[in-house]
Amino acid sequence: MLNNMDKKGGFVISLDFELGWGVQDTNRDGSYDGNLHAVHTVVPRLLELFSKYAIHVTWATVGMLCVTSKTDLIQYLPCEKPTYSNTVFSSYEIMPSIQDKDPRYFAASLVELIKNTANQEFATHTFSHYYCVEDGQTKEQFISDLKSAKKIAQQPLKSIVFPRNQVNKDYLSICQKEGIRAYRGNPKHPLFKSEQFLDGWHFKRIYKIADSYLNLTGHHTFSLQQIEKNHIWNIQASAFLRPYYSRLKILENLKLKRIVKSLQYAAKNGEIYHLWWHPHNMGKNIDENFEFLEKVLVEFTKNKEKYNFQSYSMSDVVKNLEINN
């Protein structure tokens, strides 16, 4: 049973599993390909580590990567594709240049591994890494995309993470109609407001990086009672797990302290701390990234033993909410 969560709090992890579909607009030169190839090593290693510490995780997965090849993908393509004003945002623009079994874009075996690992929730990151607040796309196109995501998943989808964290509240009722019960909203701070990709991007990125090392915006933890429902439940993010960066190596302890303090705050106050990242973030400096993540999980375990702090997927949180409502 997952009841009494309102008294003991919890640690939620969600991963944006997207491969090349998530960086197709920023990786046209192929400079990030090494990280994408490494995901095929990172995901099994993550699952092994999560199993070691009994960690529940939501894997928000781009539907297009769920098959073995471009040939297999064709049958799942939506009837209506997004008509972004800026066509660089469209995953369909790069399909002609992708090889049939390109490992940067397809990972059916990893999907099966996730589905067959205990305590892992398979969720959606839309079918095509769909940008929900960009100009040109429509509600009807989003509906078509989401239906394709459900079809290719071959199982019910209970949680969604919107690509680039572009939460369009007009689309939440659509998600509800398709059986989705929760989404990952943004922290309640102006820095994390949903907006188009290029709006104030450079300044906000610097501020967000700084916030990963120093507590500039707060812990962003929340109680079960504070979770809002607008058609579906908002299991909002608390922090992004920033990957190891050699030039900032000296600040790694600060980054760990930032997360540990927030975990402790959530555990002591019976609140939820929601950490997220992409598997491809760990595709460079893999050992350093895993060493850091294991330190986080060790700290979680300490809080579990001391405060009965628990590990939850997004759908686990929803089960608690529906028990208590």
Protein backbone atom coordinates (compact mmCIF):
# COMPACT_ATOMS: atom_id res chain seq x y z
CA MET A 1 0.00 0.00 0.00
CA LEU A 2 1.12 3.54 -0.73
CA ASN A 3 -1.08 5.31 1.82
CA ASN A 4 -0.01 7.84 4.49
CA MET A 5 2.34 9.47 2.00
CA ASP A 6 1.10 12.82 3.29
CA LYS A 7 2.91 12.05 6.55
CA LYS A 8 6.21 10.64 5.28
CA GLY A 9 6.88 12.43 1.98
CA GLY A 10 8.69 11.00 -0.99
CA PHE A 11 11.42 11.20 -3.62
CA VAL A 12 10.15 11.24 -7.21
CA ILE A 13 12.44 10.73 -10.21
CA SER A 14 11.30 11.26 -13.79
CA LEU A 15 13.49 10.80 -16.85
CA ASP A 16 12.96 12.37 -20.27
CA PHE A 17 13.96 9.48 -22.54
CA GLU A 18 14.18 10.91 -26.04
CA LEU A 19 17.44 10.04 -27.84
CA GLY A 20 18.00 12.14 -30.97
CA TRP A 21 14.36 13.17 -31.24
CA GLY A 22 14.86 15.47 -28.28
CA VAL A 23 17.86 17.33 -29.69
CA GLN A 24 17.09 17.21 -33.40
CA ASP A 25 16.76 21.01 -33.47
CA THR A 26 20.04 21.64 -31.61
CA ASN A 27 22.22 18.77 -32.90
CA ARG A 28 22.13 19.36 -36.65
CA ASP A 29 25.94 19.31 -36.75
CA GLY A 30 26.13 15.93 -34.98
CA SER A 31 28.30 17.25 -32.15
CA TYR A 32 26.08 15.55 -29.55
CA ASP A 33 26.01 12.15 -31.25
CA GLY A 34 28.44 10.64 -28.75
CA ASN A 35 25.97 11.26 -25.93
CA LEU A 36 23.16 9.71 -27.97
CA HIS A 37 25.08 6.53 -28.75
CA ALA A 38 26.05 6.24 -25.09
CA VAL A 39 22.40 6.09 -24.02
CA HIS A 40 22.42 2.41 -24.98
CA THR A 41 24.98 1.93 -22.20
CA VAL A 42 23.49 4.45 -19.77
CA VAL A 43 19.93 3.08 -19.60
CA PRO A 44 20.81 -0.51 -18.53
CA ARG A 45 23.24 0.91 -15.99
CA LEU A 46 20.56 3.25 -14.63
CA LEU A 47 18.11 0.39 -14.28
CA GLU A 48 20.71 -1.65 -12.43
CA LEU A 49 21.40 1.24 -10.04
CA PHE A 50 17.70 1.92 -9.47
CA SER A 51 17.15 -1.76 -8.70
CA LYS A 52 20.03 -1.74 -6.23
CA TYR A 53 18.37 1.03 -4.21
CA ALA A 54 14.73 0.04 -4.94
CA ILE A 55 14.07 3.35 -6.70
CA HIS A 56 10.74 3.96 -8.45
CA VAL A 57 11.14 6.00 -11.65
CA THR A 58 8.91 7.46 -14.34
CA TRP A 59 10.40 7.08 -17.83
CA ALA A 60 8.72 9.69 -20.03
CA THR A 61 9.55 8.29 -23.45
CA VAL A 62 9.31 9.79 -26.93
CA GLY A 63 7.15 7.38 -28.90
CA MET A 64 9.26 7.53 -32.05
CA LEU A 65 12.17 5.73 -30.38
CA CYS A 66 10.07 2.71 -29.36
CA VAL A 67 10.65 0.75 -32.57
CA THR A 68 13.71 -0.85 -34.12
CA SER A 69 13.74 1.04 -37.40
CA LYS A 70 12.38 3.87 -39.52
CA THR A 71 10.54 1.26 -41.56
CA ASP A 72 8.68 0.09 -38.45
CA LEU A 73 7.95 3.68 -37.43
CA ILE A 74 5.95 4.52 -40.56
CA GLN A 75 2.84 2.62 -39.46
CA TYR A 76 2.56 4.72 -36.28
CA LEU A 77 2.90 8.19 -37.79
CA PRO A 78 0.01 10.50 -36.84
CA CYS A 79 -2.62 11.63 -39.32
CA GLU A 80 -1.83 15.26 -38.53
CA LYS A 81 1.73 16.46 -38.03
CA PRO A 82 2.71 19.71 -36.29
CA THR A 83 2.92 22.76 -38.55
CA TYR A 84 5.40 24.80 -36.52
CA SER A 85 6.12 28.27 -37.85
CA ASN A 86 9.77 27.40 -37.27
CA THR A 87 10.10 24.05 -39.04
CA VAL A 88 13.40 23.27 -37.30
CA PHE A 89 11.30 22.16 -34.31
CA SER A 90 9.70 19.31 -36.25
CA SER A 91 11.08 15.80 -35.80
CA TYR A 92 9.62 14.89 -39.19
CA GLU A 93 12.02 17.28 -40.94
CA ILE A 94 15.00 15.04 -40.20
CA MET A 95 13.44 11.68 -41.03
CA PRO A 96 14.76 11.54 -44.63
CA SER A 97 18.34 11.81 -43.34
CA ILE A 98 18.01 9.09 -40.68
CA GLN A 99 19.30 5.60 -41.44
CA ASP A 100 16.77 2.79 -41.12
CA LYS A 101 18.17 1.35 -37.86
CA ASP A 102 19.98 4.40 -36.54
CA PRO A 103 20.77 3.83 -32.82
CA ARG A 104 20.64 7.58 -32.23
CA TYR A 105 16.89 7.43 -32.83
CA PHE A 106 15.63 3.91 -32.16
CA ALA A 107 15.83 1.84 -28.98
CA ALA A 108 13.09 -0.80 -28.86
CA SER A 109 15.28 -3.11 -26.79
CA LEU A 110 15.79 -0.43 -24.13
CA VAL A 111 12.04 0.19 -23.99
CA GLU A 112 11.44 -3.50 -23.30
CA LEU A 113 14.14 -3.48 -20.64
CA ILE A 114 12.46 -0.57 -18.87
CA LYS A 115 9.03 -2.19 -19.07
CA ASN A 116 10.39 -5.43 -17.62
CA THR A 117 12.21 -3.83 -14.68
CA ALA A 118 10.41 -3.61 -11.34
CA ASN A 119 9.17 -0.23 -10.08
CA GLN A 120 9.66 1.54 -13.42
CA GLU A 121 6.72 3.46 -14.90
CA PHE A 122 6.65 3.69 -18.70
CA ALA A 123 5.14 7.10 -19.50
CA THR A 124 5.00 9.45 -22.49
CA HIS A 125 7.10 12.38 -23.64
CA THR A 126 4.68 12.68 -26.61
CA PHE A 127 5.12 10.77 -29.85
CA SER A 128 7.36 13.21 -31.73
CA HIS A 129 8.83 15.37 -28.95
CA TYR A 130 5.92 17.72 -29.57
CA TYR A 131 6.34 21.38 -28.57
CA CYS A 132 3.03 22.46 -27.08
CA VAL A 133 3.45 26.25 -26.97
CA GLU A 134 5.35 26.93 -30.20
CA ASP A 135 3.66 28.98 -32.91
CA GLY A 136 1.90 27.16 -35.74
CA GLN A 137 0.97 23.87 -34.07
CA THR A 138 -2.67 23.20 -33.18
CA LYS A 139 -4.76 21.35 -30.61
CA GLU A 140 -5.89 18.87 -33.27
CA GLN A 141 -2.26 18.09 -34.14
CA PHE A 142 -1.48 17.46 -30.48
CA ILE A 143 -4.43 15.07 -30.21
CA SER A 144 -3.14 13.17 -33.24
CA ASP A 145 0.36 13.03 -31.76
CA LEU A 146 -0.90 11.72 -28.42
CA LYS A 147 -2.97 9.00 -30.07
CA SER A 148 0.14 7.82 -31.92
CA ALA A 149 2.07 7.83 -28.63
CA LYS A 150 -0.56 5.55 -27.09
CA LYS A 151 -0.56 3.24 -30.10
CA ILE A 152 3.20 2.77 -30.24
CA ALA A 153 3.48 2.32 -26.45
CA GLN A 154 1.24 -0.76 -26.65
CA GLN A 155 0.09 -0.18 -23.09
CA PRO A 156 -1.87 2.45 -21.13
CA LEU A 157 -0.04 5.70 -20.45
CA LYS A 158 -0.75 7.31 -17.07
CA SER A 159 1.80 10.15 -16.96
CA ILE A 160 3.16 12.73 -19.39
CA VAL A 161 6.16 15.03 -19.41
CA PHE A 162 5.85 17.84 -21.94
CA PRO A 163 8.96 18.32 -24.13
CA ARG A 164 11.09 21.31 -23.11
CA ASN A 165 8.68 21.57 -20.17
CA GLN A 166 6.26 23.48 -22.40
CA VAL A 167 3.07 22.97 -20.41
CA ASN A 168 0.04 24.13 -22.38
CA LYS A 169 -2.87 24.15 -19.93
CA ASP A 170 -5.34 24.08 -22.80
CA TYR A 171 -4.05 20.60 -23.62
CA LEU A 172 -4.51 19.05 -20.16
CA SER A 173 -8.13 18.10 -20.84
CA ILE A 174 -6.93 16.27 -23.97
CA CYS A 175 -4.48 14.29 -21.87
CA GLN A 176 -7.27 13.39 -19.47
CA LYS A 177 -9.47 12.12 -22.30
CA GLU A 178 -6.60 9.89 -23.46
CA GLY A 179 -6.31 8.30 -20.01
CA ILE A 180 -3.37 10.30 -18.66
CA ARG A 181 -3.67 11.23 -15.00
CA ALA A 182 -0.54 13.27 -14.22
CA TYR A 183 2.01 15.62 -15.74
CA ARG A 184 5.26 17.13 -14.56
CA GLY A 185 4.69 20.83 -14.11
CA ASN A 186 7.39 23.43 -13.63
CA PRO A 187 8.60 24.76 -10.27
CA LYS A 188 6.59 27.74 -9.05
CA HIS A 189 9.17 30.40 -9.79
CA PRO A 190 9.29 32.89 -12.70
CA LEU A 191 12.55 31.34 -13.90
CA PHE A 192 10.75 28.12 -14.80
CA LYS A 193 7.66 29.54 -16.50
CA SER A 194 6.47 27.63 -19.59
CA GLU A 195 7.37 29.56 -22.72
CA GLN A 196 8.66 29.22 -26.24
CA PHE A 197 12.12 27.70 -26.59
CA LEU A 198 14.13 30.79 -27.55
CA ASP A 199 12.50 33.35 -25.21
CA GLY A 200 15.24 34.78 -22.94
CA TRP A 201 17.03 31.46 -23.29
CA HIS A 202 20.66 32.50 -22.61
CA PHE A 203 20.03 34.59 -19.49
CA LYS A 204 17.71 32.01 -17.96
CA ARG A 205 20.13 29.17 -18.70
CA ILE A 206 22.89 30.93 -16.75
CA TYR A 207 20.52 31.54 -13.83
CA LYS A 208 19.33 27.92 -13.88
CA ILE A 209 22.90 26.62 -13.90
CA ALA A 210 23.75 28.79 -10.91
CA ASP A 211 20.63 27.56 -9.12
CA SER A 212 21.87 23.97 -9.48
CA TYR A 213 24.84 24.82 -7.26
CA LEU A 214 23.39 27.46 -4.93
CA ASN A 215 19.89 27.69 -3.50
CA LEU A 216 18.74 30.77 -5.40
CA THR A 217 15.08 29.85 -5.92
CA GLY A 218 14.14 27.54 -3.03
CA HIS A 219 13.74 23.81 -2.46
CA HIS A 220 10.58 23.51 -4.61
CA THR A 221 9.29 20.68 -2.45
CA PHE A 222 5.56 20.30 -1.83
CA SER A 223 3.09 18.36 0.25
CA LEU A 224 0.50 15.95 -1.08
CA GLN A 225 -2.20 18.49 -0.19
CA GLN A 226 -0.52 21.15 -2.33
CA ILE A 227 -0.67 19.12 -5.53
CA GLU A 228 -3.10 20.81 -7.90
CA LYS A 229 -5.44 19.17 -10.36
CA ASN A 230 -6.48 20.84 -13.61
CA HIS A 231 -8.03 17.87 -15.39
CA ILE A 232 -4.89 15.90 -14.44
CA TRP A 233 -2.56 16.08 -11.42
CA ASN A 234 0.48 18.38 -11.49
CA ILE A 235 3.42 16.47 -10.00
CA GLN A 236 5.69 19.47 -10.36
CA ALA A 237 9.45 19.32 -10.77
CA SER A 238 11.76 20.36 -7.96
CA ALA A 239 15.14 20.31 -9.71
CA PHE A 240 17.09 19.22 -12.78
CA LEU A 241 20.06 16.91 -12.18
CA ARG A 242 22.76 18.73 -14.07
CA PRO A 243 25.46 16.46 -15.54
CA TYR A 244 29.13 16.48 -14.65
CA TYR A 245 31.04 19.24 -16.40
CA SER A 246 34.84 19.12 -16.15
CA ARG A 247 35.24 22.90 -16.07
CA LEU A 248 32.95 23.05 -13.04
CA LYS A 249 34.45 20.00 -11.34
CA ILE A 250 35.39 22.06 -8.30
CA LEU A 251 31.69 22.81 -7.74
CA GLU A 252 30.46 19.19 -7.69
CA ASN A 253 30.25 19.16 -3.89
CA LEU A 254 28.11 22.30 -3.99
CA LYS A 255 25.78 20.63 -6.48
CA LEU A 256 25.48 17.57 -4.25
CA LYS A 257 24.87 19.72 -1.17
CA ARG A 258 22.10 21.59 -3.03
CA ILE A 259 20.26 18.33 -3.72
CA VAL A 260 20.96 16.77 -0.33
CA LYS A 261 19.61 19.79 1.54
CA SER A 262 16.41 19.70 -0.50
CA LEU A 263 16.01 15.96 0.05
CA GLN A 264 16.47 16.45 3.78
CA TYR A 265 13.99 19.31 3.84
CA ALA A 266 11.38 17.20 2.06
CA ALA A 267 11.98 14.20 4.32
CA LYS A 268 11.80 16.22 7.55
CA ASN A 269 8.61 17.99 6.48
CA GLY A 270 6.79 15.07 4.89
CA GLU A 271 6.98 16.64 1.43
CA ILE A 272 7.85 15.52 -2.09
CA TYR A 273 11.11 16.24 -3.92
CA HIS A 274 10.98 15.64 -7.68
CA LEU A 275 14.29 15.31 -9.55
CA TRP A 276 14.53 14.92 -13.33
CA TRP A 277 17.04 14.66 -16.16
CA HIS A 278 17.64 12.99 -19.54
CA PRO A 279 19.56 9.71 -19.91
CA HIS A 280 21.62 11.35 -22.67
CA ASN A 281 22.85 13.96 -20.15
CA MET A 282 24.90 11.13 -18.65
CA GLY A 283 26.34 10.05 -22.01
CA LYS A 284 29.59 11.92 -21.45
CA ASN A 285 31.71 11.46 -18.32
CA ILE A 286 29.56 8.42 -17.60
CA ASP A 287 31.46 7.18 -14.56
CA GLU A 288 31.51 10.62 -12.94
CA ASN A 289 27.77 11.03 -13.51
CA PHE A 290 26.96 7.63 -12.05
CA GLU A 291 29.22 8.22 -9.07
CA PHE A 292 27.31 11.44 -8.35
CA LEU A 293 23.90 9.84 -8.82
CA GLU A 294 24.77 7.02 -6.45
CA LYS A 295 25.73 9.58 -3.81
CA VAL A 296 22.26 11.09 -4.20
CA LEU A 297 20.64 7.68 -3.82
CA VAL A 298 22.73 6.93 -0.74
CA GLU A 299 21.48 10.19 0.80
CA PHE A 300 17.93 9.22 -0.10
CA THR A 301 18.43 5.88 1.68
CA LYS A 302 19.61 7.68 4.82
CA ASN A 303 16.46 9.79 4.81
CA LYS A 304 14.36 6.69 4.19
CA GLU A 305 15.82 5.03 7.26
CA LYS A 306 15.54 8.13 9.45
CA TYR A 307 12.24 9.67 8.31
CA ASN A 308 10.50 6.81 6.46
CA PHE A 309 11.02 8.84 3.27
CA GLN A 310 9.90 6.77 0.27
CA SER A 311 10.62 6.43 -3.44
CA TYR A 312 7.76 7.06 -5.88
CA SER A 313 7.06 7.26 -9.57
CA MET A 314 4.61 9.89 -10.79
CA SER A 315 1.85 7.29 -11.03
CA ASP A 316 2.60 6.18 -7.46
CA VAL A 317 1.91 9.74 -6.31
CA VAL A 318 -1.40 9.73 -8.18
CA LYS A 319 -2.42 6.52 -6.42
CA ASN A 320 -1.78 8.25 -3.10
CA LEU A 321 -3.75 11.30 -4.18
CA GLU A 322 -6.74 9.23 -5.21
CA ILE A 323 -6.63 7.24 -1.98
CA ASN A 324 -6.72 10.49 -0.01
CA ASN A 325 -9.40 12.25 -2.11
